[in-house]
Amino acid sequence: YDSKLYIGPIAEDGTFSGNYSSTTGATGDYPVVGVADPSPIGDTQTISFSVSWKSRVGRYDPSWHDVSSFTGLVKLNQTGKPCLKLNHLFQQSIQKSVTGYTATALSTGGDFTFVSRSK
């Protein structure tokens, strides 16, 4: 989908911020906040973060309060490159046309290439 997740440096307490960007579908720049194990042992690190689907650039609908949360592991793959294995929970704004039940989606087992950047 040509989407990119940028995670800034992980602080001593494990917190981090960053952004999610896409050039297809949900075009924009979306804020990311999260926490990771600040002192992982071995080649696996726990991680959890959320993406607010209100772009910091361009126009958006102020009535939307959509958010995604991702929880899982960062693990080095066979080439030594970090790979994210995540569960994804999406919560859409509940409105007259969108009931509470249909506003929630859960997906499991997502694989993402890890991209990091320092600020």
C-alpha atoms as a PDB file:
ATOM      1  CA  TYR A   1       0.000   0.000   0.000  1.00  0.00           C
ATOM      2  CA  ASP A   2       3.047   2.243  -0.059  1.00  0.00           C
ATOM      3  CA  SER A   3       2.468   3.075   3.606  1.00  0.00           C
ATOM      4  CA  LYS A   4       5.249   3.881   6.032  1.00  0.00           C
ATOM      5  CA  LEU A   5       5.414   3.814   9.812  1.00  0.00           C
ATOM      6  CA  TYR A   6       8.137   5.982  11.310  1.00  0.00           C
ATOM      7  CA  ILE A   7       9.066   5.477  14.940  1.00  0.00           C
ATOM      8  CA  GLY A   8      11.305   7.991  16.661  1.00  0.00           C
ATOM      9  CA  PRO A   9      13.882   7.006  19.262  1.00  0.00           C
ATOM     10  CA  ILE A  10      12.608   4.915  22.149  1.00  0.00           C
ATOM     11  CA  ALA A  11      12.997   6.816  25.425  1.00  0.00           C
ATOM     12  CA  GLU A  12      14.453   5.254  28.564  1.00  0.00           C
ATOM     13  CA  ASP A  13      10.930   4.507  29.821  1.00  0.00           C
ATOM     14  CA  GLY A  14      10.020   2.797  26.514  1.00  0.00           C
ATOM     15  CA  THR A  15       7.762   5.521  25.106  1.00  0.00           C
ATOM     16  CA  PHE A  16       8.064   6.773  21.542  1.00  0.00           C
ATOM     17  CA  SER A  17       6.268   8.853  18.957  1.00  0.00           C
ATOM     18  CA  GLY A  18       6.309   8.963  15.208  1.00  0.00           C
ATOM     19  CA  ASN A  19       4.024   9.085  12.218  1.00  0.00           C
ATOM     20  CA  TYR A  20       2.241   6.922   9.691  1.00  0.00           C
ATOM     21  CA  SER A  21       2.083   8.129   6.121  1.00  0.00           C
ATOM     22  CA  SER A  22       0.499   6.845   2.956  1.00  0.00           C
ATOM     23  CA  THR A  23       0.326   7.950  -0.653  1.00  0.00           C
ATOM     24  CA  THR A  24      -2.613   5.699  -1.488  1.00  0.00           C
ATOM     25  CA  GLY A  25      -5.984   5.251   0.186  1.00  0.00           C
ATOM     26  CA  ALA A  26      -5.754   7.190   3.458  1.00  0.00           C
ATOM     27  CA  THR A  27      -3.469   9.906   2.113  1.00  0.00           C
ATOM     28  CA  GLY A  28      -1.950  12.031   4.850  1.00  0.00           C
ATOM     29  CA  ASP A  29       0.373  12.164   7.821  1.00  0.00           C
ATOM     30  CA  TYR A  30      -1.008  10.580  10.984  1.00  0.00           C
ATOM     31  CA  PRO A  31       0.420  10.824  14.541  1.00  0.00           C
ATOM     32  CA  VAL A  32       1.710   7.692  16.281  1.00  0.00           C
ATOM     33  CA  VAL A  33       2.367   7.221  20.021  1.00  0.00           C
ATOM     34  CA  GLY A  34       3.421   4.045  21.745  1.00  0.00           C
ATOM     35  CA  VAL A  35       5.518   2.079  24.153  1.00  0.00           C
ATOM     36  CA  ALA A  36       8.064  -0.696  23.713  1.00  0.00           C
ATOM     37  CA  ASP A  37      10.129  -2.810  26.067  1.00  0.00           C
ATOM     38  CA  PRO A  38      13.036  -0.428  26.807  1.00  0.00           C
ATOM     39  CA  SER A  39      15.405  -3.276  27.720  1.00  0.00           C
ATOM     40  CA  PRO A  40      14.613  -6.284  25.536  1.00  0.00           C
ATOM     41  CA  ILE A  41      16.557  -9.488  25.979  1.00  0.00           C
ATOM     42  CA  GLY A  42      17.393 -11.452  22.839  1.00  0.00           C
ATOM     43  CA  ASP A  43      16.131 -10.665  19.349  1.00  0.00           C
ATOM     44  CA  THR A  44      12.481  -9.927  20.240  1.00  0.00           C
ATOM     45  CA  GLN A  45      10.914  -6.751  21.647  1.00  0.00           C
ATOM     46  CA  THR A  46       7.309  -6.130  22.705  1.00  0.00           C
ATOM     47  CA  ILE A  47       5.626  -3.071  21.182  1.00  0.00           C
ATOM     48  CA  SER A  48       2.249  -1.358  21.332  1.00  0.00           C
ATOM     49  CA  PHE A  49       1.204   1.845  19.588  1.00  0.00           C
ATOM     50  CA  SER A  50      -1.785   3.749  18.320  1.00  0.00           C
ATOM     51  CA  VAL A  51      -2.465   5.759  15.170  1.00  0.00           C
ATOM     52  CA  SER A  52      -4.964   8.606  15.246  1.00  0.00           C
ATOM     53  CA  TRP A  53      -6.621   8.823  11.829  1.00  0.00           C
ATOM     54  CA  LYS A  54      -6.786  12.630  11.830  1.00  0.00           C
ATOM     55  CA  SER A  55      -4.153  13.750   9.397  1.00  0.00           C
ATOM     56  CA  ARG A  56      -1.864  16.558  10.476  1.00  0.00           C
ATOM     57  CA  VAL A  57      -1.861  17.813   6.890  1.00  0.00           C
ATOM     58  CA  GLY A  58      -4.722  18.563   4.528  1.00  0.00           C
ATOM     59  CA  ARG A  59      -8.420  18.585   5.261  1.00  0.00           C
ATOM     60  CA  TYR A  60     -10.227  16.117   7.489  1.00  0.00           C
ATOM     61  CA  ASP A  61     -13.733  15.635   8.825  1.00  0.00           C
ATOM     62  CA  PRO A  62     -13.722  16.927  12.446  1.00  0.00           C
ATOM     63  CA  SER A  63     -16.561  14.523  13.352  1.00  0.00           C
ATOM     64  CA  TRP A  64     -14.307  11.503  12.747  1.00  0.00           C
ATOM     65  CA  HIS A  65     -12.495  10.074  15.755  1.00  0.00           C
ATOM     66  CA  ASP A  66     -11.090   6.895  14.202  1.00  0.00           C
ATOM     67  CA  VAL A  67      -8.089   5.199  15.823  1.00  0.00           C
ATOM     68  CA  SER A  68      -6.058   2.036  15.346  1.00  0.00           C
ATOM     69  CA  SER A  69      -4.064   0.187  17.955  1.00  0.00           C
ATOM     70  CA  PHE A  70      -1.310  -2.278  17.159  1.00  0.00           C
ATOM     71  CA  THR A  71       0.230  -4.700  19.650  1.00  0.00           C
ATOM     72  CA  GLY A  72       2.810  -7.362  19.064  1.00  0.00           C
ATOM     73  CA  LEU A  73       6.493  -8.064  18.633  1.00  0.00           C
ATOM     74  CA  VAL A  74       9.490  -6.662  16.814  1.00  0.00           C
ATOM     75  CA  LYS A  75      11.699  -9.594  15.852  1.00  0.00           C
ATOM     76  CA  LEU A  76      14.810  -9.805  13.733  1.00  0.00           C
ATOM     77  CA  ASN A  77      14.160 -11.810  10.564  1.00  0.00           C
ATOM     78  CA  GLN A  78      16.643 -14.176   8.865  1.00  0.00           C
ATOM     79  CA  THR A  79      18.534 -11.255   7.299  1.00  0.00           C
ATOM     80  CA  GLY A  80      18.811  -9.393  10.621  1.00  0.00           C
ATOM     81  CA  LYS A  81      16.236  -6.764   9.637  1.00  0.00           C
ATOM     82  CA  PRO A  82      13.538  -5.986  12.226  1.00  0.00           C
ATOM     83  CA  CYS A  83      10.030  -7.179  11.301  1.00  0.00           C
ATOM     84  CA  LEU A  84       6.821  -6.258  13.112  1.00  0.00           C
ATOM     85  CA  LYS A  85       4.316  -9.042  13.903  1.00  0.00           C
ATOM     86  CA  LEU A  86       1.168  -7.265  15.047  1.00  0.00           C
ATOM     87  CA  ASN A  87      -2.472  -7.587  15.942  1.00  0.00           C
ATOM     88  CA  HIS A  88      -4.520  -4.617  14.725  1.00  0.00           C
ATOM     89  CA  LEU A  89      -7.671  -3.213  16.322  1.00  0.00           C
ATOM     90  CA  PHE A  90      -9.519  -0.472  14.424  1.00  0.00           C
ATOM     91  CA  GLN A  91     -12.202   1.628  16.083  1.00  0.00           C
ATOM     92  CA  GLN A  92     -14.290   3.841  13.819  1.00  0.00           C
ATOM     93  CA  SER A  93     -16.402   6.761  14.999  1.00  0.00           C
ATOM     94  CA  ILE A  94     -19.826   5.552  16.076  1.00  0.00           C
ATOM     95  CA  GLN A  95     -22.482   7.539  14.256  1.00  0.00           C
ATOM     96  CA  LYS A  96     -26.096   6.975  13.218  1.00  0.00           C
ATOM     97  CA  SER A  97     -24.919   5.230  10.053  1.00  0.00           C
ATOM     98  CA  VAL A  98     -22.249   3.175  11.884  1.00  0.00           C
ATOM     99  CA  THR A  99     -23.343   1.100  14.861  1.00  0.00           C
ATOM    100  CA  GLY A 100     -20.981   0.175  17.696  1.00  0.00           C
ATOM    101  CA  TYR A 101     -20.655  -3.429  16.480  1.00  0.00           C
ATOM    102  CA  THR A 102     -19.790  -2.548  12.868  1.00  0.00           C
ATOM    103  CA  ALA A 103     -17.426   0.231  13.946  1.00  0.00           C
ATOM    104  CA  THR A 104     -14.857  -2.240  15.311  1.00  0.00           C
ATOM    105  CA  ALA A 105     -12.493  -4.454  13.324  1.00  0.00           C
ATOM    106  CA  LEU A 106      -9.755  -6.827  14.481  1.00  0.00           C
ATOM    107  CA  SER A 107      -7.060  -8.403  12.351  1.00  0.00           C
ATOM    108  CA  THR A 108      -4.259 -10.691  13.439  1.00  0.00           C
ATOM    109  CA  GLY A 109      -0.918 -11.827  12.160  1.00  0.00           C
ATOM    110  CA  GLY A 110       0.100  -8.747  10.180  1.00  0.00           C
ATOM    111  CA  ASP A 111       3.700  -8.628   8.990  1.00  0.00           C
ATOM    112  CA  PHE A 112       5.281  -5.222   8.470  1.00  0.00           C
ATOM    113  CA  THR A 113       8.739  -4.172   7.415  1.00  0.00           C
ATOM    114  CA  PHE A 114      10.263  -2.082  10.178  1.00  0.00           C
ATOM    115  CA  VAL A 115      11.501   1.407   9.328  1.00  0.00           C
ATOM    116  CA  SER A 116      13.043   3.568  12.026  1.00  0.00           C
ATOM    117  CA  ARG A 117      14.263   7.133  12.089  1.00  0.00           C
ATOM    118  CA  SER A 118      15.763   9.345  14.677  1.00  0.00           C
ATOM    119  CA  LYS A 119      14.446  12.827  15.280  1.00  0.00           C
END
